[in-house]
Amino acid sequence: MWTWRVLSAVALVAVGVIHLYLVATSTGGLLGILFTLQGIAALVLAGAMVALRGRLAPVAAVLSLVFMAGSWLALVLALTVGLFGLRSSLSYDLAPTSLVVETLGTVVLAVTTAKVLRGRRV
């Protein structure tokens, strides 16, 4: 199902845009550098999800799932116990939005990855 790959790409683009927006408007220092890298990686993976076929499609799906789940985990850790010496809160700009997008994105990418690995056309 092509739809799942497109939905996965949309989720990755959303995560990428959120992080690049935060860098452009409010986040600097080490966190700004990490957010920039995360934003670029998300956009590259989104392109891979819709462009790659054959044997590379499962690679793109697995990498995207690991990326999205890692992004979600990093946010949850930052909100709870802190990460890299930084602690965040839901009052931080776009934190609630990021939490929802990354949660939904992880679910969508898990379904997409399962379908791709089962060999279904997605």
C-alpha atoms as a PDB file:
ATOM      1  CA  MET A   1       0.000   0.000   0.000  1.00  0.00           C
ATOM      2  CA  TRP A   2       1.514   3.191  -1.226  1.00  0.00           C
ATOM      3  CA  THR A   3      -0.652   5.078   1.287  1.00  0.00           C
ATOM      4  CA  TRP A   4       1.366   3.830   4.280  1.00  0.00           C
ATOM      5  CA  ARG A   5       4.634   4.965   2.719  1.00  0.00           C
ATOM      6  CA  VAL A   6       3.183   8.406   2.024  1.00  0.00           C
ATOM      7  CA  LEU A   7       1.793   8.655   5.566  1.00  0.00           C
ATOM      8  CA  SER A   8       5.223   7.696   6.906  1.00  0.00           C
ATOM      9  CA  ALA A   9       6.873  10.374   4.781  1.00  0.00           C
ATOM     10  CA  VAL A  10       4.347  12.963   5.984  1.00  0.00           C
ATOM     11  CA  ALA A  11       5.104  12.082   9.619  1.00  0.00           C
ATOM     12  CA  LEU A  12       8.843  12.361   8.983  1.00  0.00           C
ATOM     13  CA  VAL A  13       8.423  15.716   7.241  1.00  0.00           C
ATOM     14  CA  ALA A  14       6.332  16.973  10.156  1.00  0.00           C
ATOM     15  CA  VAL A  15       9.046  15.994  12.651  1.00  0.00           C
ATOM     16  CA  GLY A  16      11.715  17.568  10.462  1.00  0.00           C
ATOM     17  CA  VAL A  17       9.817  20.819  10.033  1.00  0.00           C
ATOM     18  CA  ILE A  18       9.069  21.067  13.755  1.00  0.00           C
ATOM     19  CA  HIS A  19      12.743  20.703  14.668  1.00  0.00           C
ATOM     20  CA  LEU A  20      13.982  23.093  11.984  1.00  0.00           C
ATOM     21  CA  TYR A  21      11.326  25.616  13.030  1.00  0.00           C
ATOM     22  CA  LEU A  22      12.506  25.387  16.640  1.00  0.00           C
ATOM     23  CA  VAL A  23      16.093  26.033  15.537  1.00  0.00           C
ATOM     24  CA  ALA A  24      15.022  29.022  13.451  1.00  0.00           C
ATOM     25  CA  THR A  25      12.921  30.580  16.195  1.00  0.00           C
ATOM     26  CA  SER A  26      14.152  29.660  19.643  1.00  0.00           C
ATOM     27  CA  THR A  27      16.658  26.841  20.063  1.00  0.00           C
ATOM     28  CA  GLY A  28      20.406  27.360  19.958  1.00  0.00           C
ATOM     29  CA  GLY A  29      23.599  25.856  21.308  1.00  0.00           C
ATOM     30  CA  LEU A  30      24.087  22.106  21.421  1.00  0.00           C
ATOM     31  CA  LEU A  31      20.352  21.468  21.297  1.00  0.00           C
ATOM     32  CA  GLY A  32      20.074  23.668  18.217  1.00  0.00           C
ATOM     33  CA  ILE A  33      22.787  21.671  16.456  1.00  0.00           C
ATOM     34  CA  LEU A  34      21.106  18.382  17.376  1.00  0.00           C
ATOM     35  CA  PHE A  35      17.715  19.689  16.227  1.00  0.00           C
ATOM     36  CA  THR A  36      19.231  20.812  12.908  1.00  0.00           C
ATOM     37  CA  LEU A  37      20.718  17.366  12.320  1.00  0.00           C
ATOM     38  CA  GLN A  38      17.442  15.750  13.324  1.00  0.00           C
ATOM     39  CA  GLY A  39      15.456  17.982  10.978  1.00  0.00           C
ATOM     40  CA  ILE A  40      17.724  17.239   8.027  1.00  0.00           C
ATOM     41  CA  ALA A  41      17.736  13.498   8.758  1.00  0.00           C
ATOM     42  CA  ALA A  42      13.938  13.440   8.950  1.00  0.00           C
ATOM     43  CA  LEU A  43      13.612  15.128   5.553  1.00  0.00           C
ATOM     44  CA  VAL A  44      16.146  12.759   3.957  1.00  0.00           C
ATOM     45  CA  LEU A  45      14.334   9.735   5.397  1.00  0.00           C
ATOM     46  CA  ALA A  46      10.987  11.096   4.177  1.00  0.00           C
ATOM     47  CA  GLY A  47      12.404  11.248   0.665  1.00  0.00           C
ATOM     48  CA  ALA A  48      13.751   7.726   1.009  1.00  0.00           C
ATOM     49  CA  MET A  49      10.361   6.409   2.117  1.00  0.00           C
ATOM     50  CA  VAL A  50       8.704   7.517  -1.126  1.00  0.00           C
ATOM     51  CA  ALA A  51      11.615   7.170  -3.543  1.00  0.00           C
ATOM     52  CA  LEU A  52      13.262   3.854  -2.724  1.00  0.00           C
ATOM     53  CA  ARG A  53      11.984   0.582  -4.133  1.00  0.00           C
ATOM     54  CA  GLY A  54      13.004  -3.060  -4.126  1.00  0.00           C
ATOM     55  CA  ARG A  55      15.618  -4.125  -1.617  1.00  0.00           C
ATOM     56  CA  LEU A  56      16.177  -0.578  -0.370  1.00  0.00           C
ATOM     57  CA  ALA A  57      12.559  -0.029   0.701  1.00  0.00           C
ATOM     58  CA  PRO A  58      12.915  -2.206   3.841  1.00  0.00           C
ATOM     59  CA  VAL A  59      16.160  -0.416   4.731  1.00  0.00           C
ATOM     60  CA  ALA A  60      14.437   2.967   4.482  1.00  0.00           C
ATOM     61  CA  ALA A  61      11.473   1.725   6.518  1.00  0.00           C
ATOM     62  CA  VAL A  62      13.567   0.249   9.331  1.00  0.00           C
ATOM     63  CA  LEU A  63      15.872   3.284   9.531  1.00  0.00           C
ATOM     64  CA  SER A  64      12.872   5.609   9.568  1.00  0.00           C
ATOM     65  CA  LEU A  65      11.171   3.618  12.311  1.00  0.00           C
ATOM     66  CA  VAL A  66      14.320   3.580  14.452  1.00  0.00           C
ATOM     67  CA  PHE A  67      14.749   7.322  13.846  1.00  0.00           C
ATOM     68  CA  MET A  68      11.154   8.168  14.785  1.00  0.00           C
ATOM     69  CA  ALA A  69      11.110   5.902  17.841  1.00  0.00           C
ATOM     70  CA  GLY A  70      14.453   7.363  18.935  1.00  0.00           C
ATOM     71  CA  SER A  71      13.126  10.877  18.488  1.00  0.00           C
ATOM     72  CA  TRP A  72      10.071  10.015  20.578  1.00  0.00           C
ATOM     73  CA  LEU A  73      12.217   8.373  23.267  1.00  0.00           C
ATOM     74  CA  ALA A  74      14.565  11.375  23.403  1.00  0.00           C
ATOM     75  CA  LEU A  75      11.607  13.713  23.909  1.00  0.00           C
ATOM     76  CA  VAL A  76      10.070  11.505  26.607  1.00  0.00           C
ATOM     77  CA  LEU A  77      13.415  11.302  28.414  1.00  0.00           C
ATOM     78  CA  ALA A  78      13.899  15.065  28.156  1.00  0.00           C
ATOM     79  CA  LEU A  79      10.419  15.581  29.598  1.00  0.00           C
ATOM     80  CA  THR A  80      10.910  13.157  32.477  1.00  0.00           C
ATOM     81  CA  VAL A  81      14.481  12.632  33.666  1.00  0.00           C
ATOM     82  CA  GLY A  82      16.463  14.873  31.339  1.00  0.00           C
ATOM     83  CA  LEU A  83      18.738  14.108  28.396  1.00  0.00           C
ATOM     84  CA  PHE A  84      22.315  15.343  27.829  1.00  0.00           C
ATOM     85  CA  GLY A  85      21.923  17.450  30.944  1.00  0.00           C
ATOM     86  CA  LEU A  86      18.864  19.196  29.498  1.00  0.00           C
ATOM     87  CA  ARG A  87      15.346  18.968  30.787  1.00  0.00           C
ATOM     88  CA  SER A  88      12.249  20.004  28.894  1.00  0.00           C
ATOM     89  CA  SER A  89       8.608  20.508  29.751  1.00  0.00           C
ATOM     90  CA  LEU A  90       5.311  20.469  27.929  1.00  0.00           C
ATOM     91  CA  SER A  91       5.271  24.254  28.177  1.00  0.00           C
ATOM     92  CA  TYR A  92       8.297  24.390  25.825  1.00  0.00           C
ATOM     93  CA  ASP A  93       7.415  25.629  22.333  1.00  0.00           C
ATOM     94  CA  LEU A  94       5.816  22.797  20.315  1.00  0.00           C
ATOM     95  CA  ALA A  95       6.639  20.080  22.882  1.00  0.00           C
ATOM     96  CA  PRO A  96       3.036  18.787  23.053  1.00  0.00           C
ATOM     97  CA  THR A  97       2.782  18.879  19.258  1.00  0.00           C
ATOM     98  CA  SER A  98       6.081  17.023  18.918  1.00  0.00           C
ATOM     99  CA  LEU A  99       4.943  14.399  21.393  1.00  0.00           C
ATOM    100  CA  VAL A 100       1.733  13.727  19.434  1.00  0.00           C
ATOM    101  CA  VAL A 101       3.420  13.782  16.007  1.00  0.00           C
ATOM    102  CA  GLU A 102       6.256  11.501  17.107  1.00  0.00           C
ATOM    103  CA  THR A 103       3.884   9.080  18.832  1.00  0.00           C
ATOM    104  CA  LEU A 104       1.620   8.830  15.791  1.00  0.00           C
ATOM    105  CA  GLY A 105       4.632   8.745  13.481  1.00  0.00           C
ATOM    106  CA  THR A 106       6.110   5.815  15.372  1.00  0.00           C
ATOM    107  CA  VAL A 107       2.855   3.882  15.056  1.00  0.00           C
ATOM    108  CA  VAL A 108       2.514   4.667  11.334  1.00  0.00           C
ATOM    109  CA  LEU A 109       6.139   3.723  10.679  1.00  0.00           C
ATOM    110  CA  ALA A 110       5.769   0.490  12.661  1.00  0.00           C
ATOM    111  CA  VAL A 111       2.834  -0.539  10.456  1.00  0.00           C
ATOM    112  CA  THR A 112       4.657   0.512   7.290  1.00  0.00           C
ATOM    113  CA  THR A 113       7.809  -1.344   8.306  1.00  0.00           C
ATOM    114  CA  ALA A 114       5.845  -4.497   9.126  1.00  0.00           C
ATOM    115  CA  LYS A 115       4.142  -4.377   5.728  1.00  0.00           C
ATOM    116  CA  VAL A 116       7.408  -3.753   3.885  1.00  0.00           C
ATOM    117  CA  LEU A 117       9.202  -6.554   5.706  1.00  0.00           C
ATOM    118  CA  ARG A 118       6.361  -8.964   4.975  1.00  0.00           C
ATOM    119  CA  GLY A 119       6.908  -8.213   1.323  1.00  0.00           C
ATOM    120  CA  ARG A 120       3.628  -6.483   0.690  1.00  0.00           C
ATOM    121  CA  ARG A 121       3.675  -3.725  -1.826  1.00  0.00           C
ATOM    122  CA  VAL A 122       3.391  -0.464   0.101  1.00  0.00           C
END
